[in-house]
């Protein structure tokens, strides 16, 4: 993916999440960008050469999945909007991982995490791990103590489970 396409996709993520905020009251689209950067940092820490992270085709699936990991769950007509805006090869690369990261409405959160851990999709695991890291790193910015404590408890076990799965999976990348 060239840098122009990367910017187009980041702008699309911004447009799709335009009116949403995270628990700290910040624009939600910024979370999607942070997830991309956390994925790159994780890969770098594991010894992967990420000098061309945004321009290497090998990372396109991770970038697209990270940018749009919440679209199907949080954006009305999200699947249609992705179909209209992703190139066919981009959609083919990432839509399955994005679906795996979409929590069915009636599924318990830990059961949802267990399904991701069991899915055998490295991009989905890496993106979920980065997603959880970003949520945890943002907890100090949440003003309401009860909300902060509830979210900390919610993310504690999933972070451990996904970390173990990512650690086992990354050598295969």
Protein backbone atom coordinates (compact mmCIF):
# COMPACT_ATOMS: atom_id res chain seq x y z
CA UNK A 1 0.00 0.00 0.00
CA UNK A 2 1.47 3.32 -0.93
CA UNK A 3 1.40 6.26 1.46
CA UNK A 4 -1.41 8.00 -0.46
CA UNK A 5 -3.65 4.95 -0.10
CA UNK A 6 -2.74 4.70 3.57
CA UNK A 7 -3.87 8.30 4.05
CA UNK A 8 -7.09 7.62 2.14
CA UNK A 9 -7.83 4.66 4.39
CA UNK A 10 -7.04 6.60 7.57
CA UNK A 11 -9.39 9.34 6.37
CA UNK A 12 -12.05 6.69 5.72
CA UNK A 13 -11.63 5.38 9.28
CA UNK A 14 -11.99 8.96 10.51
CA UNK A 15 -15.16 9.45 8.44
CA UNK A 16 -16.71 6.17 9.56
CA UNK A 17 -16.10 6.87 13.26
CA UNK A 18 -16.61 10.63 13.00
CA UNK A 19 -19.27 11.06 15.66
CA UNK A 20 -17.98 8.43 18.10
CA UNK A 21 -15.90 8.94 21.23
CA UNK A 22 -13.87 6.59 23.37
CA UNK A 23 -14.42 6.23 27.12
CA UNK A 24 -12.08 9.16 27.74
CA UNK A 25 -14.13 11.41 25.45
CA UNK A 26 -11.60 11.52 22.62
CA UNK A 27 -12.48 10.99 18.94
CA UNK A 28 -12.77 7.22 18.44
CA UNK A 29 -11.07 7.25 15.04
CA UNK A 30 -7.82 8.11 16.82
CA UNK A 31 -8.05 4.74 18.56
CA UNK A 32 -7.94 3.03 15.15
CA UNK A 33 -4.73 4.85 14.23
CA UNK A 34 -3.17 4.02 17.58
CA UNK A 35 -3.99 0.34 17.01
CA UNK A 36 -2.07 0.44 13.69
CA UNK A 37 0.93 1.99 15.44
CA UNK A 38 0.79 -0.45 18.34
CA UNK A 39 0.80 -3.35 15.84
CA UNK A 40 3.92 -1.89 14.23
CA UNK A 41 5.55 -1.45 17.65
CA UNK A 42 4.77 -5.04 18.65
CA UNK A 43 6.28 -6.35 15.43
CA UNK A 44 9.37 -4.19 15.88
CA UNK A 45 9.78 -5.41 19.47
CA UNK A 46 9.63 -9.00 18.19
CA UNK A 47 12.47 -8.28 15.77
CA UNK A 48 10.50 -7.76 12.56
CA UNK A 49 11.83 -5.15 10.16
CA UNK A 50 9.15 -2.49 10.03
CA UNK A 51 11.13 0.18 8.21
CA UNK A 52 8.54 0.03 5.44
CA UNK A 53 5.55 -0.97 7.60
CA UNK A 54 3.09 1.31 5.79
CA UNK A 55 4.41 0.59 2.32
CA UNK A 56 5.06 -3.13 2.54
CA UNK A 57 2.30 -5.19 0.97
CA UNK A 58 2.91 -7.87 3.59
CA UNK A 59 1.48 -5.56 6.24
CA UNK A 60 -1.59 -4.42 4.32
CA UNK A 61 -3.84 -6.98 6.01
CA UNK A 62 -2.73 -5.83 9.46
CA UNK A 63 -3.14 -2.14 8.61
CA UNK A 64 -6.59 -2.55 7.06
CA UNK A 65 -7.78 -4.84 9.84
CA UNK A 66 -6.50 -2.41 12.49
CA UNK A 67 -8.07 0.64 10.87
CA UNK A 68 -11.48 -1.00 10.47
CA UNK A 69 -11.61 -3.55 13.31
CA UNK A 70 -14.68 -1.92 14.88
CA UNK A 71 -16.58 -0.85 11.77
CA UNK A 72 -18.89 -3.86 11.45
CA UNK A 73 -19.81 -3.60 15.13
CA UNK A 74 -20.03 0.17 15.60
CA UNK A 75 -20.92 1.78 12.26
CA UNK A 76 -24.41 1.55 10.77
CA UNK A 77 -24.14 -0.15 7.36
CA UNK A 78 -20.44 -0.70 8.10
CA UNK A 79 -20.12 -3.75 5.82
CA UNK A 80 -21.64 -1.85 2.91
CA UNK A 81 -19.41 1.17 3.52
CA UNK A 82 -16.31 -1.02 3.58
CA UNK A 83 -17.40 -2.78 0.39
CA UNK A 84 -17.88 0.58 -1.31
CA UNK A 85 -14.54 2.01 -0.20
CA UNK A 86 -12.02 -0.82 -0.04
CA UNK A 87 -10.38 -2.04 -3.21
CA UNK A 88 -11.30 -5.61 -4.03
CA UNK A 89 -7.84 -6.91 -3.10
CA UNK A 90 -7.93 -4.98 0.21
CA UNK A 91 -11.33 -6.39 1.09
CA UNK A 92 -10.19 -9.89 0.18
CA UNK A 93 -7.15 -9.48 2.45
CA UNK A 94 -8.83 -8.15 5.55
CA UNK A 95 -12.60 -8.64 5.68
CA UNK A 96 -12.37 -12.12 7.21
CA UNK A 97 -10.13 -10.83 10.01
CA UNK A 98 -12.43 -7.85 10.57
CA UNK A 99 -15.40 -10.23 10.85
CA UNK A 100 -13.54 -12.32 13.41
CA UNK A 101 -13.03 -9.18 15.49
CA UNK A 102 -16.72 -8.27 15.36
CA UNK A 103 -18.48 -9.32 18.55
CA UNK A 104 -21.95 -10.79 18.09
CA UNK A 105 -24.43 -8.83 20.20
CA UNK A 106 -25.45 -11.64 22.52
CA UNK A 107 -22.03 -13.23 22.99
CA UNK A 108 -20.35 -12.92 26.39
CA UNK A 109 -17.15 -10.87 26.16
CA UNK A 110 -14.85 -13.67 27.37
CA UNK A 111 -16.49 -16.12 24.94
CA UNK A 112 -15.85 -13.58 22.16
CA UNK A 113 -12.19 -13.35 23.20
CA UNK A 114 -11.94 -17.16 23.31
CA UNK A 115 -13.26 -17.31 19.73
CA UNK A 116 -10.61 -14.83 18.58
CA UNK A 117 -7.87 -16.78 20.36
CA UNK A 118 -9.08 -19.99 18.69
CA UNK A 119 -9.48 -18.48 15.22
CA UNK A 120 -5.87 -19.08 14.08
CA UNK A 121 -5.75 -15.67 12.33
CA UNK A 122 -2.50 -13.88 13.15
CA UNK A 123 -3.70 -10.48 11.93
CA UNK A 124 -6.89 -10.71 14.00
CA UNK A 125 -4.94 -11.75 17.10
CA UNK A 126 -2.35 -9.00 16.69
CA UNK A 127 -5.00 -6.35 16.10
CA UNK A 128 -7.07 -7.50 19.08
CA UNK A 129 -3.98 -7.42 21.27
CA UNK A 130 -3.17 -3.89 20.09
CA UNK A 131 -6.82 -2.91 20.59
CA UNK A 132 -6.75 -4.14 24.18
CA UNK A 133 -3.42 -2.45 24.87
CA UNK A 134 -4.79 0.85 23.63
CA UNK A 135 -7.94 0.51 25.74
CA UNK A 136 -5.86 -0.25 28.85
CA UNK A 137 -3.39 2.56 28.16
CA UNK A 138 -6.31 5.00 27.93
CA UNK A 139 -7.84 4.00 31.27
CA UNK A 140 -6.07 6.75 33.26
CA UNK A 141 -7.84 9.29 31.03
CA UNK A 142 -11.31 8.02 32.01
CA UNK A 143 -12.66 10.49 34.57
CA UNK A 144 -15.35 8.30 36.11
CA UNK A 145 -13.70 6.01 38.64
CA UNK A 146 -16.42 3.35 38.48
CA UNK A 147 -16.17 3.19 34.67
CA UNK A 148 -12.37 3.04 34.84
CA UNK A 149 -12.48 0.17 37.35
CA UNK A 150 -15.15 -1.71 35.39
CA UNK A 151 -13.12 -1.44 32.18
CA UNK A 152 -9.89 -2.46 33.92
CA UNK A 153 -11.62 -5.60 35.20
CA UNK A 154 -13.16 -6.25 31.77
CA UNK A 155 -9.80 -6.11 29.96
CA UNK A 156 -7.56 -7.90 32.50
CA UNK A 157 -8.24 -11.55 31.52
CA UNK A 158 -8.73 -10.90 27.77
CA UNK A 159 -5.38 -9.11 27.62
CA UNK A 160 -3.66 -12.11 29.20
CA UNK A 161 -5.38 -14.62 26.90
CA UNK A 162 -4.70 -12.67 23.71
CA UNK A 163 -1.10 -11.95 24.76
CA UNK A 164 -0.44 -15.68 25.14
CA UNK A 165 -1.97 -16.41 21.73
CA UNK A 166 -0.07 -13.61 19.99
CA UNK A 167 3.20 -14.66 21.60
CA UNK A 168 2.74 -18.18 20.29
CA UNK A 169 1.67 -17.00 16.84
CA UNK A 170 4.10 -14.22 15.92
CA UNK A 171 7.04 -16.44 15.04
CA UNK A 172 4.91 -17.73 12.14
CA UNK A 173 4.66 -14.30 10.54
